[in-house]
C-alpha cells in the first residue's frame, strides 16, 4: 500500500487521485484546475474573477510539495550542482536572476497559451481539448530541449 512517507508514489494511484480531483474541481468549482487563473485573479484580469479558488490551489501546490518532501525525507539542501555547472557559478544571486527571468517567460507563455502546464495537462488533456494537447506537447518539448541544454558541458 502506498504511504505518504514513500519516496516514490505509484503513478497509477497518483493518476487516479488527480483524475478524481479534476472531476471534483469541475463539479464543485465550475472550472478545471488552472493555477495561472489564480495569478490572473490576483492581477485583477477580467477572466480571473472566477479564479479565486485557484489562488488557494497555488498555496496547496506549494504546501503539498513541502509536505511531501518533508515526509519522504527528500528535501534537497542547497543549490543543485546542475545549476552551478550550467551557469558557471554557484552564486545564489545569479540563480535568482535566471529563475526570475524564466518565471516571467513562463507567465507570459501561460497567458499566450490560455493556461499553464497543469491546467492544460491535467484538465485540458483529460477533456481531450485539442488546444490543450498541442499546448501540453509544446511545453513538454520545451522542457526536453531545456533539459538537454542544461546537460551539456
Protein backbone atom coordinates (compact mmCIF):
# COMPACT_ATOMS: atom_id res chain seq x y z
CA UNK A 1 0.00 0.00 0.00
CA UNK A 2 1.24 3.48 -0.85
CA UNK A 3 2.09 5.67 2.13
CA UNK A 4 2.74 9.46 2.27
CA UNK A 5 6.24 8.72 3.59
CA UNK A 6 7.22 6.75 0.45
CA UNK A 7 9.85 8.46 -1.71
CA UNK A 8 8.04 7.48 -4.90
CA UNK A 9 4.30 7.09 -5.31
CA UNK A 10 2.68 4.69 -7.74
CA UNK A 11 1.89 6.61 -10.95
CA UNK A 12 -1.37 4.67 -11.24
CA UNK A 13 -2.60 5.63 -7.78
CA UNK A 14 -1.41 9.22 -8.17
CA UNK A 15 -3.14 9.41 -11.59
CA UNK A 16 -6.41 8.17 -10.13
CA UNK A 17 -6.19 10.69 -7.29
CA UNK A 18 -5.50 13.53 -9.76
CA UNK A 19 -8.34 12.40 -12.02
CA UNK A 20 -10.80 12.42 -9.11
CA UNK A 21 -9.58 15.88 -8.05
CA UNK A 22 -10.05 17.25 -11.58
CA UNK A 23 -13.63 15.95 -11.70
CA UNK A 24 -14.34 17.39 -8.23
CA UNK A 25 -12.90 20.75 -9.30
CA UNK A 26 -15.08 20.79 -12.42
CA UNK A 27 -18.20 19.92 -10.44
CA UNK A 28 -17.62 21.94 -7.27
CA UNK A 29 -15.54 24.84 -8.59
CA UNK A 30 -17.14 25.19 -12.01
CA UNK A 31 -13.72 25.19 -13.66
CA UNK A 32 -10.78 22.89 -14.16
CA UNK A 33 -7.65 23.31 -12.04
CA UNK A 34 -5.60 26.10 -13.64
CA UNK A 35 -3.05 27.73 -11.34
CA UNK A 36 -2.41 30.51 -13.86
CA UNK A 37 -6.04 31.57 -13.28
CA UNK A 38 -5.00 32.25 -9.69
CA UNK A 39 -2.31 34.64 -10.89
CA UNK A 40 -4.83 36.32 -13.21
CA UNK A 41 -7.31 36.70 -10.33
CA UNK A 42 -4.69 38.35 -8.12
CA UNK A 43 -3.67 40.64 -11.01
CA UNK A 44 -7.31 41.69 -11.50
CA UNK A 45 -7.66 40.32 -15.02
CA UNK A 46 -11.30 40.10 -16.19
CA UNK A 47 -11.12 36.34 -16.79
CA UNK A 48 -9.60 35.87 -13.33
CA UNK A 49 -12.77 36.79 -11.44
CA UNK A 50 -13.71 33.13 -11.16
CA UNK A 51 -10.17 32.13 -10.28
CA UNK A 52 -10.04 32.97 -6.59
CA UNK A 53 -10.30 29.33 -5.55
CA UNK A 54 -7.33 28.78 -7.89
CA UNK A 55 -5.30 31.08 -5.62
CA UNK A 56 -5.90 28.54 -2.86
CA UNK A 57 -4.79 25.85 -5.33
CA UNK A 58 -1.46 27.67 -5.75
CA UNK A 59 -0.94 27.65 -1.99
CA UNK A 60 -1.92 23.99 -1.87
CA UNK A 61 0.66 23.11 -4.51
CA UNK A 62 3.42 24.78 -2.51
CA UNK A 63 2.30 23.32 0.82
CA UNK A 64 1.73 19.88 -0.69
CA UNK A 65 5.21 19.81 -2.22
CA UNK A 66 6.74 20.90 1.09
CA UNK A 67 4.70 18.29 3.00
CA UNK A 68 5.63 15.53 0.55
CA UNK A 69 9.35 16.39 0.60
CA UNK A 70 9.36 16.60 4.39
CA UNK A 71 7.50 13.33 4.97
CA UNK A 72 9.60 11.41 2.44
CA UNK A 73 12.81 12.98 3.77
CA UNK A 74 13.75 14.01 0.24
CA UNK A 75 14.22 17.74 0.82
CA UNK A 76 17.30 18.91 -1.01
CA UNK A 77 19.73 21.13 0.83
CA UNK A 78 21.47 23.93 -1.01
CA UNK A 79 21.73 24.58 -4.71
CA UNK A 80 21.68 21.85 -7.34
CA UNK A 81 25.09 21.08 -8.86
CA UNK A 82 23.46 21.26 -12.30
CA UNK A 83 22.71 24.96 -11.81
CA UNK A 84 26.30 25.71 -10.87
CA UNK A 85 27.61 23.73 -13.86
CA UNK A 86 25.26 25.38 -16.36
CA UNK A 87 25.70 28.93 -15.05
CA UNK A 88 29.41 28.57 -14.41
CA UNK A 89 28.92 29.92 -10.90
CA UNK A 90 27.23 28.85 -7.68
CA UNK A 91 26.33 32.44 -6.78
CA UNK A 92 22.74 32.49 -5.47
CA UNK A 93 22.07 35.95 -6.92
CA UNK A 94 22.77 34.75 -10.47
CA UNK A 95 20.45 31.78 -9.99
CA UNK A 96 17.73 34.10 -8.66
CA UNK A 97 18.09 36.36 -11.72
CA UNK A 98 17.80 33.41 -14.10
CA UNK A 99 14.85 31.96 -12.15
CA UNK A 100 13.06 35.33 -12.20
CA UNK A 101 13.57 35.70 -15.97
CA UNK A 102 12.38 32.12 -16.51
CA UNK A 103 9.32 32.71 -14.32
CA UNK A 104 8.48 35.85 -16.26
CA UNK A 105 8.71 33.98 -19.57
CA UNK A 106 6.62 31.17 -18.13
CA UNK A 107 3.85 33.57 -17.07
CA UNK A 108 3.99 35.27 -20.46
CA UNK A 109 3.67 31.87 -22.16
CA UNK A 110 0.74 30.82 -19.98
CA UNK A 111 -1.05 34.00 -20.94
CA UNK A 112 -0.48 33.35 -24.64
CA UNK A 113 -1.41 29.66 -24.35
CA UNK A 114 -4.54 30.37 -22.29
CA UNK A 115 -3.37 28.33 -19.32
CA UNK A 116 -0.38 26.68 -17.72
CA UNK A 117 1.11 23.21 -17.88
CA UNK A 118 -1.08 21.99 -15.03
CA UNK A 119 -4.24 23.50 -16.49
CA UNK A 120 -3.62 22.15 -19.97
CA UNK A 121 -2.02 18.88 -18.92
CA UNK A 122 -4.35 17.84 -16.12
CA UNK A 123 -7.64 19.32 -17.14
CA UNK A 124 -7.45 20.15 -20.84
CA UNK A 125 -5.89 16.90 -22.00
CA UNK A 126 -8.23 14.96 -19.69
CA UNK A 127 -11.12 16.61 -21.55
CA UNK A 128 -9.42 15.86 -24.91
CA UNK A 129 -9.28 19.55 -25.84
CA UNK A 130 -7.15 19.83 -29.00
CA UNK A 131 -5.64 23.19 -27.97
CA UNK A 132 -4.56 21.69 -24.64
CA UNK A 133 -2.99 18.68 -26.33
CA UNK A 134 -0.99 20.98 -28.62
CA UNK A 135 -0.02 23.35 -25.76
CA UNK A 136 0.96 20.46 -23.48
CA UNK A 137 3.05 18.83 -26.22
CA UNK A 138 4.83 22.14 -26.92
CA UNK A 139 5.55 22.67 -23.21
CA UNK A 140 6.83 19.11 -22.83
CA UNK A 141 9.07 19.52 -25.89
CA UNK A 142 10.38 22.80 -24.48
CA UNK A 143 11.18 21.02 -21.21
CA UNK A 144 13.08 18.29 -23.02
CA UNK A 145 15.08 20.84 -25.04
CA UNK A 146 15.87 22.88 -21.91
CA UNK A 147 16.91 19.71 -20.07
CA UNK A 148 19.23 18.69 -22.89
CA UNK A 149 20.77 22.17 -23.00
CA UNK A 150 21.41 22.02 -19.26
CA UNK A 151 23.10 18.60 -19.52
CA UNK A 152 25.70 19.81 -21.98
CA UNK A 153 29.11 20.62 -20.54
